[in-house]
Protein backbone atom coordinates (compact mmCIF):
# COMPACT_ATOMS: atom_id res chain seq x y z
CA UNK A 1 -16.79 26.88 -7.71
CA UNK A 2 -15.53 27.95 -4.25
CA UNK A 3 -13.39 25.59 -2.16
CA UNK A 4 -12.78 25.99 1.57
CA UNK A 5 -10.15 24.04 3.49
CA UNK A 6 -11.33 22.14 6.56
CA UNK A 7 -8.69 23.04 9.16
CA UNK A 8 -10.28 21.43 12.25
CA UNK A 9 -8.48 18.40 13.65
CA UNK A 10 -9.13 15.62 14.10
CA UNK A 11 -11.27 15.15 11.03
CA UNK A 12 -14.63 13.61 11.91
CA UNK A 13 -17.54 12.09 10.04
CA UNK A 14 -19.57 15.18 10.98
CA UNK A 15 -17.29 17.31 8.76
CA UNK A 16 -18.78 15.59 5.71
CA UNK A 17 -22.06 17.32 4.89
CA UNK A 18 -24.54 15.29 2.81
CA UNK A 19 -25.17 18.27 0.52
CA UNK A 20 -21.51 18.99 -0.29
CA UNK A 21 -18.49 17.37 -1.95
CA UNK A 22 -15.03 17.13 -0.39
CA UNK A 23 -11.45 16.42 -1.45
CA UNK A 24 -9.12 14.38 0.77
CA UNK A 25 -5.48 14.61 -0.26
CA UNK A 26 -3.14 11.73 0.54
CA UNK A 27 0.40 11.18 -0.68
CA UNK A 28 -0.43 9.28 -3.87
CA UNK A 29 -4.23 9.32 -3.82
CA UNK A 30 -6.78 12.11 -3.99
CA UNK A 31 -10.30 11.19 -2.91
CA UNK A 32 -13.43 13.07 -3.97
CA UNK A 33 -16.22 12.35 -1.51
CA UNK A 34 -19.64 13.17 -2.95
CA UNK A 35 -22.49 13.74 -0.54
CA UNK A 36 -25.78 12.09 -1.52
CA UNK A 37 -27.52 15.47 -1.80
CA UNK A 38 -24.71 17.38 -3.56
CA UNK A 39 -25.55 18.76 -6.99
CA UNK A 40 -24.37 17.24 -10.25
CA UNK A 41 -22.51 20.48 -10.94
CA UNK A 42 -20.67 20.23 -7.63
CA UNK A 43 -19.76 16.58 -8.20
CA UNK A 44 -18.36 17.36 -11.64
CA UNK A 45 -16.45 20.38 -10.35
CA UNK A 46 -14.97 18.29 -7.53
CA UNK A 47 -13.49 15.81 -10.00
CA UNK A 48 -12.02 18.59 -12.13
CA UNK A 49 -10.58 20.42 -9.11
CA UNK A 50 -9.00 17.18 -7.85
CA UNK A 51 -7.34 16.45 -11.20
CA UNK A 52 -6.05 20.03 -11.45
CA UNK A 53 -4.84 19.72 -7.85
CA UNK A 54 -2.65 16.74 -8.79
CA UNK A 55 -0.92 18.74 -11.54
CA UNK A 56 -0.66 21.99 -9.58
CA UNK A 57 0.92 20.35 -6.54
CA UNK A 58 3.29 18.04 -8.45
CA UNK A 59 1.87 14.89 -6.89
CA UNK A 60 3.89 11.67 -7.50
CA UNK A 61 3.63 9.95 -10.85
CA UNK A 62 0.70 7.53 -10.83
CA UNK A 63 -1.31 9.44 -8.21
CA UNK A 64 -4.88 8.12 -8.27
CA UNK A 65 -7.98 10.31 -8.30
CA UNK A 66 -10.79 8.27 -6.75
CA UNK A 67 -14.47 9.21 -6.63
CA UNK A 68 -16.34 8.06 -3.52
CA UNK A 69 -20.12 8.52 -3.50
CA UNK A 70 -21.56 8.65 0.02
CA UNK A 71 -22.03 5.20 1.62
CA UNK A 72 -19.33 3.57 -0.57
CA UNK A 73 -16.36 4.66 1.57
CA UNK A 74 -13.53 2.14 1.80
CA UNK A 75 -11.55 1.36 4.95
CA UNK A 76 -8.64 3.59 3.91
CA UNK A 77 -10.87 6.64 3.50
CA UNK A 78 -12.73 5.94 6.75
CA UNK A 79 -9.48 5.63 8.70
CA UNK A 80 -8.85 9.38 8.36
CA UNK A 81 -12.13 10.36 10.03
CA UNK A 82 -13.33 9.80 13.57
CA UNK A 83 -16.91 8.59 13.77
CA UNK A 84 -17.17 6.11 10.91
CA UNK A 85 -16.65 2.92 12.87
CA UNK A 86 -18.90 3.20 15.98
CA UNK A 87 -21.80 1.92 13.85
CA UNK A 88 -20.07 -1.39 13.11
CA UNK A 89 -23.16 -3.25 14.43
CA UNK A 90 -25.01 -2.27 11.23
CA UNK A 91 -22.26 -3.71 9.03
CA UNK A 92 -23.42 -7.29 9.42
CA UNK A 93 -26.71 -8.87 8.44
CA UNK A 94 -27.69 -6.28 5.82
CA UNK A 95 -30.25 -7.47 3.33
CA UNK A 96 -28.76 -5.79 0.28
CA UNK A 97 -25.63 -6.99 -1.49
CA UNK A 98 -23.57 -3.88 -0.94
CA UNK A 99 -19.93 -4.60 -1.78
CA UNK A 100 -18.92 -1.86 0.68
CA UNK A 101 -20.12 -3.87 3.69
CA UNK A 102 -17.75 -6.38 5.19
CA UNK A 103 -20.70 -8.74 5.69
CA UNK A 104 -20.79 -9.29 1.93
CA UNK A 105 -17.05 -9.69 1.42
CA UNK A 106 -15.83 -13.25 1.84
CA UNK A 107 -13.08 -12.30 4.27
CA UNK A 108 -12.78 -15.86 5.66
CA UNK A 109 -12.03 -17.20 2.16
CA UNK A 110 -9.50 -14.42 1.59
CA UNK A 111 -7.81 -15.13 4.91
CA UNK A 112 -7.75 -18.87 4.19
CA UNK A 113 -6.09 -18.25 0.81
CA UNK A 114 -3.43 -16.09 2.45
CA UNK A 115 -2.77 -18.70 5.13
CA UNK A 116 -2.47 -21.40 2.47
CA UNK A 117 0.05 -19.30 0.50
CA UNK A 118 2.03 -18.70 3.69
CA UNK A 119 2.10 -22.41 4.53
CA UNK A 120 3.22 -23.27 0.99
CA UNK A 121 6.07 -20.76 1.12
CA UNK A 122 7.27 -22.02 4.49
CA UNK A 123 6.96 -25.65 3.40
CA UNK A 124 9.16 -24.94 0.40
CA UNK A 125 11.73 -22.82 2.22
CA UNK A 126 11.89 -24.79 5.45
CA UNK A 127 12.67 -23.32 8.90
CA UNK A 128 13.00 -19.52 8.90
CA UNK A 129 16.29 -19.65 10.78
CA UNK A 130 17.76 -21.48 7.78
CA UNK A 131 16.60 -18.90 5.23
CA UNK A 132 18.89 -16.11 4.11
CA UNK A 133 17.34 -12.86 2.92
CA UNK A 134 18.72 -10.00 0.87
CA UNK A 135 16.79 -6.89 -0.12
CA UNK A 136 17.64 -4.94 -3.25
CA UNK A 137 16.57 -1.48 -4.35
CA UNK A 138 15.63 -1.36 -8.03
CA UNK A 139 17.43 1.53 -9.72
CA UNK A 140 15.27 3.95 -11.79
CA UNK A 141 16.39 2.34 -15.06
CA UNK A 142 14.89 -0.99 -13.85
CA UNK A 143 18.03 -2.72 -15.13
CA UNK A 144 20.20 -2.76 -12.03
CA UNK A 145 19.86 -3.60 -8.34
CA UNK A 146 21.52 -2.12 -5.26
CA UNK A 147 21.62 -4.25 -2.13
CA UNK A 148 20.25 -2.59 1.02
CA UNK A 149 23.03 -2.89 3.60
CA UNK A 150 22.20 -0.08 6.05
CA UNK A 151 20.47 -1.83 9.00
CA UNK A 152 18.43 1.32 9.63
CA UNK A 153 16.75 0.82 6.26
CA UNK A 154 15.74 -2.76 7.05
CA UNK A 155 11.97 -3.05 6.78
CA UNK A 156 11.59 0.46 5.39
CA UNK A 157 10.46 0.65 1.76
CA UNK A 158 10.06 3.98 -0.02
CA UNK A 159 6.71 4.32 -1.79
CA UNK A 160 8.14 5.72 -5.03
CA UNK A 161 10.57 2.82 -5.48
CA UNK A 162 10.53 -0.87 -6.37
CA UNK A 163 12.42 -3.59 -4.49
CA UNK A 164 13.43 -7.23 -4.80
CA UNK A 165 13.37 -9.48 -1.74
CA UNK A 166 15.53 -12.55 -2.35
CA UNK A 167 14.93 -15.52 -0.04
CA UNK A 168 17.15 -18.59 -0.24
CA UNK A 169 17.24 -21.87 1.64
CA UNK A 170 18.82 -25.22 0.92
CA UNK A 171 15.63 -26.41 -0.82
CA UNK A 172 14.05 -23.39 -2.49
CA UNK A 173 14.46 -19.77 -3.57
CA UNK A 174 11.89 -16.97 -3.69
CA UNK A 175 12.17 -13.74 -5.65
CA UNK A 176 9.59 -11.22 -4.45
CA UNK A 177 9.24 -8.10 -6.56
CA UNK A 178 7.69 -5.31 -4.41
CA UNK A 179 6.06 -2.56 -6.47
CA UNK A 180 5.68 0.86 -4.87
CA UNK A 181 4.39 3.08 -7.69
CA UNK A 182 2.23 2.06 -10.61
CA UNK A 183 4.65 0.30 -12.92
CA UNK A 184 4.39 -0.20 -16.66
CA UNK A 185 4.42 -3.82 -17.87
CA UNK A 186 7.57 -3.16 -19.88
CA UNK A 187 9.39 -2.06 -16.72
CA UNK A 188 8.12 -5.12 -14.84
CA UNK A 189 9.64 -7.21 -17.63
CA UNK A 190 12.94 -5.34 -17.25
CA UNK A 191 12.94 -6.10 -13.52
CA UNK A 192 12.27 -9.78 -14.22
CA UNK A 193 15.30 -9.88 -16.50
CA UNK A 194 17.35 -8.03 -13.90
CA UNK A 195 16.38 -10.59 -11.24
CA UNK A 196 17.79 -13.32 -13.48
CA UNK A 197 21.19 -11.87 -12.66
CA UNK A 198 20.83 -12.96 -9.03
CA UNK A 199 21.06 -16.60 -10.17
CA UNK A 200 23.39 -16.13 -13.11
CA UNK A 201 20.48 -16.61 -15.49
CA UNK A 202 19.83 -20.16 -14.26
CA UNK A 203 16.16 -20.92 -13.55
CA UNK A 204 14.91 -24.17 -11.98
CA UNK A 205 11.65 -25.56 -10.61
CA UNK A 206 13.04 -24.85 -7.13
CA UNK A 207 12.63 -21.11 -7.72
CA UNK A 208 9.44 -19.12 -7.27
CA UNK A 209 8.76 -15.58 -8.39
CA UNK A 210 5.96 -13.38 -7.12
CA UNK A 211 4.94 -9.74 -7.08
CA UNK A 212 3.58 -7.76 -4.15
CA UNK A 213 1.94 -4.38 -4.68
CA UNK A 214 2.26 -1.64 -2.10
CA UNK A 215 -0.38 -2.14 0.56
CA UNK A 216 -0.92 -5.82 -0.33
CA UNK A 217 1.70 -7.25 2.02
CA UNK A 218 0.36 -10.46 3.57
CA UNK A 219 1.57 -12.47 6.54
CA UNK A 220 3.93 -14.62 4.46
CA UNK A 221 5.75 -11.48 3.29
CA UNK A 222 5.74 -9.73 6.67
CA UNK A 223 7.09 -12.80 8.45
CA UNK A 224 10.54 -11.93 7.09
CA UNK A 225 10.44 -8.49 8.75
CA UNK A 226 10.10 -9.41 12.44
CA UNK A 227 10.94 -5.87 13.56
CA UNK A 228 8.13 -4.38 11.50
CA UNK A 229 7.53 -3.15 7.97
CA UNK A 230 7.02 0.52 7.08
CA UNK A 231 6.16 2.21 3.79
CA UNK A 232 7.66 5.70 3.64
CA UNK A 233 5.57 7.99 1.44
CA UNK A 234 8.36 9.68 -0.50
CA UNK A 235 11.21 9.10 -2.92
CA UNK A 236 14.16 7.13 -1.55
CA UNK A 237 16.79 9.20 0.23
CA UNK A 238 19.84 8.23 2.35
CA UNK A 239 18.81 7.18 5.84
CA UNK A 240 20.90 9.95 7.45
CA UNK A 241 18.80 12.46 5.53
CA UNK A 242 15.54 10.70 6.36
CA UNK A 243 16.28 10.50 10.10
CA UNK A 244 17.40 14.15 10.19
CA UNK A 245 14.21 15.24 8.45
CA UNK A 246 12.11 13.09 10.76
CA UNK A 247 13.84 14.48 13.84
CA UNK A 248 13.18 18.03 12.63
CA UNK A 249 9.61 17.64 11.38
CA UNK A 250 8.23 14.52 13.04
CA UNK A 251 6.43 11.72 11.24
CA UNK A 252 2.89 10.31 11.21
CA UNK A 253 2.26 6.60 10.70
CA UNK A 254 -1.01 4.92 9.72
CA UNK A 255 -1.50 1.35 10.90
CA UNK A 256 -2.59 -1.03 8.16
CA UNK A 257 -3.39 -4.69 8.76
CA UNK A 258 -2.30 -7.26 6.17
CA UNK A 259 -4.86 -9.62 4.66
CA UNK A 260 -5.90 -12.26 7.15
CA UNK A 261 -3.49 -11.26 9.89
CA UNK A 262 -2.55 -8.84 12.65
CA UNK A 263 -1.62 -5.21 12.11
CA UNK A 264 2.12 -5.11 11.49
CA UNK A 265 2.37 -3.13 8.26
CA UNK A 266 2.50 0.61 8.82
CA UNK A 267 2.47 3.53 6.45
């Protein structure tokens, strides 16, 4: 099977031919878009090529290979192509129950749930100006934490790492475990034990633990990063190194809106 790279930029919806299959490579996801008229042989080959691509190019551990038949594109996939969104008027009022259309996703209920969670957190913690926050990097062994003290790293989480955000007020404490890569349950348990060390092993009903997966940051989480929150698609490096590399090579950010709120999370 022959593959040909699409070098034209920007990528547009017109680049996706109904009779072909395509591979879109992201940092930790590889999409296989399958045109409605592409052959079964081509669809199968596309999946195999994508999986081989992950191994050949040493993609990060946990890289997902996702198959996307035509007309089932999610918002992340669409965001990389010009021309998907001008037809928004057809997204509402469809007769069929297509899960890919926003008309059939209960976004108002999702937003309401996020707002309720935010209100509960703020009710428990009290005024934000009376809440102290510390952010810890979870070491690769999942058994130790390193506090982030470099102000340049504030609000910047590396995608291949896990973090703990510790919020404390006079009335309540929150321990938020942010998961960048796919994490085994045994390592999540190790992190939970490690977080116990922040309170000397003492747990009370005035403490709340929660987990946030990469890309699932809601308004309650982002409220504690007033200067913005960015996910850096790489392994954690010293900020001097990251800024030097960025100055030399530039950087591209993708805007991503949190559930039920404005766009303040960027990747």
